[in-house]
N, C-alpha and C. Protein backbone atom coordinates (compact mmCIF):
# COMPACT_ATOMS: atom_id res chain seq x y z
N MET A 1 -29.69 -10.19 -3.16
CA MET A 1 -28.23 -10.05 -3.00
C MET A 1 -28.07 -8.86 -2.01
N SER A 2 -27.39 -9.02 -1.00
CA SER A 2 -27.16 -7.86 -0.08
C SER A 2 -25.97 -6.99 -0.65
N ASP A 3 -25.90 -5.80 -0.08
CA ASP A 3 -24.75 -5.10 -0.31
C ASP A 3 -23.47 -5.66 0.34
N MET A 4 -22.50 -6.01 -0.50
CA MET A 4 -21.39 -6.75 0.02
C MET A 4 -20.23 -5.63 0.21
N HIS A 5 -19.58 -5.72 1.28
CA HIS A 5 -18.44 -4.79 1.52
C HIS A 5 -17.18 -5.71 1.53
N TYR A 6 -16.25 -5.30 0.74
CA TYR A 6 -14.91 -5.92 0.71
C TYR A 6 -13.77 -5.11 0.37
N GLN A 7 -12.67 -5.39 0.75
CA GLN A 7 -11.51 -4.33 0.31
C GLN A 7 -10.33 -5.27 0.25
N ASN A 8 -9.35 -4.73 -0.49
CA ASN A 8 -8.08 -5.29 -0.56
C ASN A 8 -7.35 -4.72 0.64
N TYR A 9 -6.96 -5.65 1.55
CA TYR A 9 -6.43 -5.19 2.83
C TYR A 9 -4.90 -4.75 2.63
N ILE A 10 -4.27 -5.24 1.63
CA ILE A 10 -3.03 -4.88 1.26
C ILE A 10 -2.95 -3.33 0.89
N GLU A 11 -4.03 -2.97 0.20
CA GLU A 11 -4.22 -1.51 -0.10
C GLU A 11 -4.14 -0.65 1.29
N LYS A 12 -4.81 -1.04 2.26
CA LYS A 12 -4.84 -0.27 3.53
C LYS A 12 -3.44 -0.27 4.13
N ILE A 13 -2.65 -1.42 4.07
CA ILE A 13 -1.30 -1.41 4.54
C ILE A 13 -0.40 -0.51 3.84
N VAL A 14 -0.51 -0.62 2.45
CA VAL A 14 0.35 0.34 1.71
C VAL A 14 0.03 1.79 1.91
N ARG A 15 -1.20 2.10 2.00
CA ARG A 15 -1.66 3.46 2.25
C ARG A 15 -1.03 4.00 3.59
N ASP A 16 -1.13 3.10 4.63
CA ASP A 16 -0.56 3.53 6.05
C ASP A 16 0.88 3.54 5.92
N GLU A 17 1.74 2.67 5.21
CA GLU A 17 2.98 2.71 5.03
C GLU A 17 3.62 4.01 4.29
N LEU A 18 2.71 4.38 3.35
CA LEU A 18 3.01 5.59 2.49
C LEU A 18 2.83 6.81 3.42
N LYS A 19 1.89 6.84 4.26
CA LYS A 19 1.65 7.96 5.18
C LYS A 19 2.94 8.07 6.03
N LYS A 20 3.46 6.99 6.47
CA LYS A 20 4.65 7.00 7.26
C LYS A 20 5.82 7.54 6.41
N ALA A 21 5.84 7.14 5.17
CA ALA A 21 6.97 7.65 4.31
C ALA A 21 6.88 9.08 4.17
N TYR A 22 5.76 9.65 3.97
CA TYR A 22 5.60 11.18 3.87
C TYR A 22 6.13 11.82 5.20
N GLU A 23 5.81 11.24 6.33
CA GLU A 23 6.33 11.84 7.50
C GLU A 23 7.96 11.86 7.61
N ARG A 24 8.58 10.76 7.04
CA ARG A 24 9.92 10.51 7.11
C ARG A 24 10.64 11.42 6.14
N ASP A 25 10.02 11.54 4.90
CA ASP A 25 10.73 12.13 3.72
C ASP A 25 9.98 13.43 3.25
N LYS A 26 10.40 14.42 3.66
CA LYS A 26 9.80 15.73 3.38
C LYS A 26 9.98 16.15 1.88
N ASP A 27 10.97 15.52 1.17
CA ASP A 27 11.03 15.82 -0.24
C ASP A 27 10.12 15.07 -1.16
N LEU A 28 9.21 14.07 -0.57
CA LEU A 28 8.43 13.31 -1.30
C LEU A 28 7.19 14.07 -1.54
N CYS A 29 6.80 14.32 -2.92
CA CYS A 29 5.70 15.05 -3.32
C CYS A 29 4.28 14.47 -2.73
N THR A 30 3.50 15.26 -2.19
CA THR A 30 2.30 14.77 -1.68
C THR A 30 1.02 15.19 -2.63
N CYS A 31 1.34 15.50 -3.79
CA CYS A 31 0.16 15.82 -4.64
C CYS A 31 -0.58 14.53 -4.91
N ASP A 32 -1.80 14.78 -5.49
CA ASP A 32 -2.67 13.56 -5.68
C ASP A 32 -2.08 12.61 -6.74
N ILE A 33 -1.43 13.29 -7.72
CA ILE A 33 -0.85 12.43 -8.92
C ILE A 33 0.20 11.56 -8.43
N CYS A 34 1.06 12.06 -7.64
CA CYS A 34 2.17 11.30 -7.13
C CYS A 34 1.69 10.21 -6.18
N PHE A 35 0.78 10.56 -5.35
CA PHE A 35 0.19 9.67 -4.46
C PHE A 35 -0.39 8.54 -5.12
N GLN A 36 -1.15 8.86 -6.10
CA GLN A 36 -1.94 7.65 -6.87
C GLN A 36 -0.84 6.85 -7.60
N ASP A 37 0.20 7.49 -8.27
CA ASP A 37 1.16 6.80 -8.88
C ASP A 37 2.00 5.83 -7.94
N ILE A 38 2.27 6.30 -6.76
CA ILE A 38 2.97 5.41 -5.75
C ILE A 38 2.24 4.32 -5.43
N MET A 39 0.86 4.50 -5.19
CA MET A 39 -0.07 3.55 -4.68
C MET A 39 -0.21 2.45 -5.79
N THR A 40 -0.45 2.86 -6.97
CA THR A 40 -0.74 1.88 -8.11
C THR A 40 0.48 1.13 -8.46
N LEU A 41 1.68 1.69 -8.47
CA LEU A 41 2.99 1.03 -8.84
C LEU A 41 3.21 0.02 -7.68
N THR A 42 2.91 0.34 -6.53
CA THR A 42 3.30 -0.65 -5.37
C THR A 42 2.21 -1.75 -5.48
N LEU A 43 0.96 -1.45 -5.51
CA LEU A 43 -0.25 -2.50 -5.43
C LEU A 43 -0.08 -3.48 -6.56
N ASN A 44 0.43 -3.02 -7.76
CA ASN A 44 0.65 -3.85 -8.94
C ASN A 44 1.65 -4.82 -8.68
N GLN A 45 2.51 -4.56 -7.80
CA GLN A 45 3.64 -5.64 -7.53
C GLN A 45 3.34 -6.55 -6.29
N LEU A 46 2.16 -6.41 -5.66
CA LEU A 46 1.83 -7.23 -4.42
C LEU A 46 0.60 -8.02 -4.67
N PRO A 47 0.62 -9.21 -4.06
CA PRO A 47 -0.68 -10.00 -4.20
C PRO A 47 -1.77 -9.39 -3.39
N PRO A 48 -3.03 -9.38 -4.04
CA PRO A 48 -4.09 -8.83 -3.32
C PRO A 48 -4.54 -9.73 -2.22
N MET A 49 -5.03 -9.17 -1.22
CA MET A 49 -5.63 -9.87 -0.07
C MET A 49 -7.03 -9.36 0.26
N TYR A 50 -8.13 -9.77 -0.30
CA TYR A 50 -9.39 -9.21 -0.13
C TYR A 50 -9.99 -9.78 1.04
N VAL A 51 -10.66 -9.03 1.83
CA VAL A 51 -11.40 -9.40 3.11
C VAL A 51 -12.73 -8.92 2.97
N SER A 52 -13.79 -9.54 3.66
CA SER A 52 -15.08 -9.06 3.61
C SER A 52 -15.74 -9.12 5.01
N SER A 53 -14.93 -9.38 6.08
CA SER A 53 -15.53 -9.41 7.49
C SER A 53 -14.37 -9.09 8.42
N ASP A 54 -14.86 -8.89 9.74
CA ASP A 54 -13.80 -8.55 10.72
C ASP A 54 -12.91 -9.83 10.88
N ILE A 55 -13.40 -11.03 10.71
CA ILE A 55 -12.45 -12.15 10.92
C ILE A 55 -11.53 -12.13 9.78
N GLY A 56 -11.88 -11.73 8.57
CA GLY A 56 -10.98 -11.55 7.47
C GLY A 56 -9.76 -10.60 7.68
N HIS A 57 -10.21 -9.50 8.43
CA HIS A 57 -9.21 -8.53 8.79
C HIS A 57 -8.18 -9.14 9.85
N ILE A 58 -8.70 -9.83 10.74
CA ILE A 58 -7.92 -10.38 11.76
C ILE A 58 -6.96 -11.37 11.19
N MET A 59 -7.46 -12.26 10.26
CA MET A 59 -6.65 -13.26 9.73
C MET A 59 -5.49 -12.61 8.81
N THR A 60 -5.96 -11.46 8.08
CA THR A 60 -4.94 -10.92 7.21
C THR A 60 -3.90 -10.17 8.04
N MET A 61 -4.28 -9.53 9.18
CA MET A 61 -3.21 -8.90 10.08
C MET A 61 -2.32 -9.95 10.57
N TYR A 62 -2.98 -11.20 10.95
CA TYR A 62 -2.05 -12.21 11.43
C TYR A 62 -1.01 -12.66 10.34
N ASN A 63 -1.50 -12.72 9.00
CA ASN A 63 -0.49 -13.10 8.01
C ASN A 63 0.47 -11.91 7.71
N LEU A 64 -0.01 -10.62 7.84
CA LEU A 64 0.93 -9.40 7.76
C LEU A 64 2.07 -9.45 8.70
N THR A 65 1.87 -10.07 9.84
CA THR A 65 2.99 -10.00 10.73
C THR A 65 4.12 -10.90 10.45
N LYS A 66 3.90 -11.65 9.45
CA LYS A 66 5.01 -12.47 8.95
C LYS A 66 6.01 -11.53 8.28
N ASP A 67 7.31 -11.65 8.59
CA ASP A 67 8.27 -10.65 8.15
C ASP A 67 8.44 -10.69 6.66
N GLN A 68 8.18 -11.79 5.98
CA GLN A 68 8.48 -11.77 4.53
C GLN A 68 7.47 -10.81 3.84
N LEU A 69 6.12 -10.93 4.25
CA LEU A 69 5.21 -10.11 3.43
C LEU A 69 5.38 -8.69 3.78
N GLN A 70 5.67 -8.36 5.11
CA GLN A 70 5.91 -6.86 5.50
C GLN A 70 7.12 -6.39 4.72
N ALA A 71 8.11 -7.27 4.57
CA ALA A 71 9.35 -6.81 3.89
C ALA A 71 8.97 -6.61 2.42
N GLN A 72 8.20 -7.31 1.73
CA GLN A 72 7.75 -7.23 0.48
C GLN A 72 7.04 -5.88 0.39
N VAL A 73 5.99 -5.57 1.11
CA VAL A 73 5.38 -4.33 1.09
C VAL A 73 6.44 -3.13 1.15
N THR A 74 7.25 -3.21 2.05
CA THR A 74 8.30 -2.15 2.25
C THR A 74 9.23 -2.04 1.04
N VAL A 75 9.70 -3.10 0.49
CA VAL A 75 10.47 -2.97 -0.74
C VAL A 75 9.73 -2.40 -1.98
N GLU A 76 8.60 -2.88 -2.23
CA GLU A 76 7.82 -2.53 -3.44
C GLU A 76 7.45 -1.10 -3.26
N LEU A 77 7.08 -0.65 -2.05
CA LEU A 77 6.64 0.73 -1.75
C LEU A 77 7.90 1.67 -2.04
N GLN A 78 9.10 1.32 -1.59
CA GLN A 78 10.31 2.16 -1.77
C GLN A 78 10.67 2.26 -3.21
N LYS A 79 10.57 1.11 -4.14
CA LYS A 79 10.74 1.08 -5.37
C LYS A 79 9.88 2.03 -6.08
N ALA A 80 8.56 2.04 -5.68
CA ALA A 80 7.62 3.03 -6.36
C ALA A 80 7.92 4.42 -5.98
N ILE A 81 8.30 4.75 -4.79
CA ILE A 81 8.47 6.06 -4.36
C ILE A 81 9.74 6.57 -5.15
N ASP A 82 10.84 5.71 -5.30
CA ASP A 82 12.06 6.09 -5.95
C ASP A 82 11.66 6.35 -7.39
N GLN A 83 10.84 5.58 -8.05
CA GLN A 83 10.51 5.92 -9.49
C GLN A 83 9.70 7.07 -9.60
N VAL A 84 8.84 7.33 -8.78
CA VAL A 84 7.91 8.52 -8.89
C VAL A 84 8.75 9.81 -8.56
N LYS A 85 9.81 9.70 -7.65
CA LYS A 85 10.65 10.81 -7.48
C LYS A 85 11.53 11.21 -8.70
N LYS A 86 11.90 10.12 -9.34
CA LYS A 86 12.81 10.38 -10.52
C LYS A 86 11.96 10.89 -11.72
N HIS A 87 10.77 10.36 -11.81
CA HIS A 87 9.95 10.69 -13.00
C HIS A 87 8.55 11.10 -12.61
N PRO A 88 8.45 12.23 -11.92
CA PRO A 88 7.06 12.68 -11.59
C PRO A 88 6.23 13.15 -12.85
N LYS A 89 4.80 12.92 -12.87
CA LYS A 89 4.03 13.15 -13.97
C LYS A 89 3.48 14.64 -13.94
N HIS A 90 3.99 15.40 -12.96
CA HIS A 90 3.38 16.82 -12.96
C HIS A 90 4.36 17.88 -13.21
């Protein structure tokens, strides 16, 4: 069996969107605990999209251009940000 490489592409999208949120919202804590909490809260509300090849990445990006999925990512990320801001664990 070869070394297989796969990833949840939604995780990459959420991570990228969270980085944008940090740029927009200077009051958002950037500590590792808050980062991890926001990521996990968001990812637990979204369907995973695992890819294992460049074609998989291309197809996933095509699917992500659909407004509904992008909106879902945005909504769930904002919910997680709001929750962590109200109840940080540090």
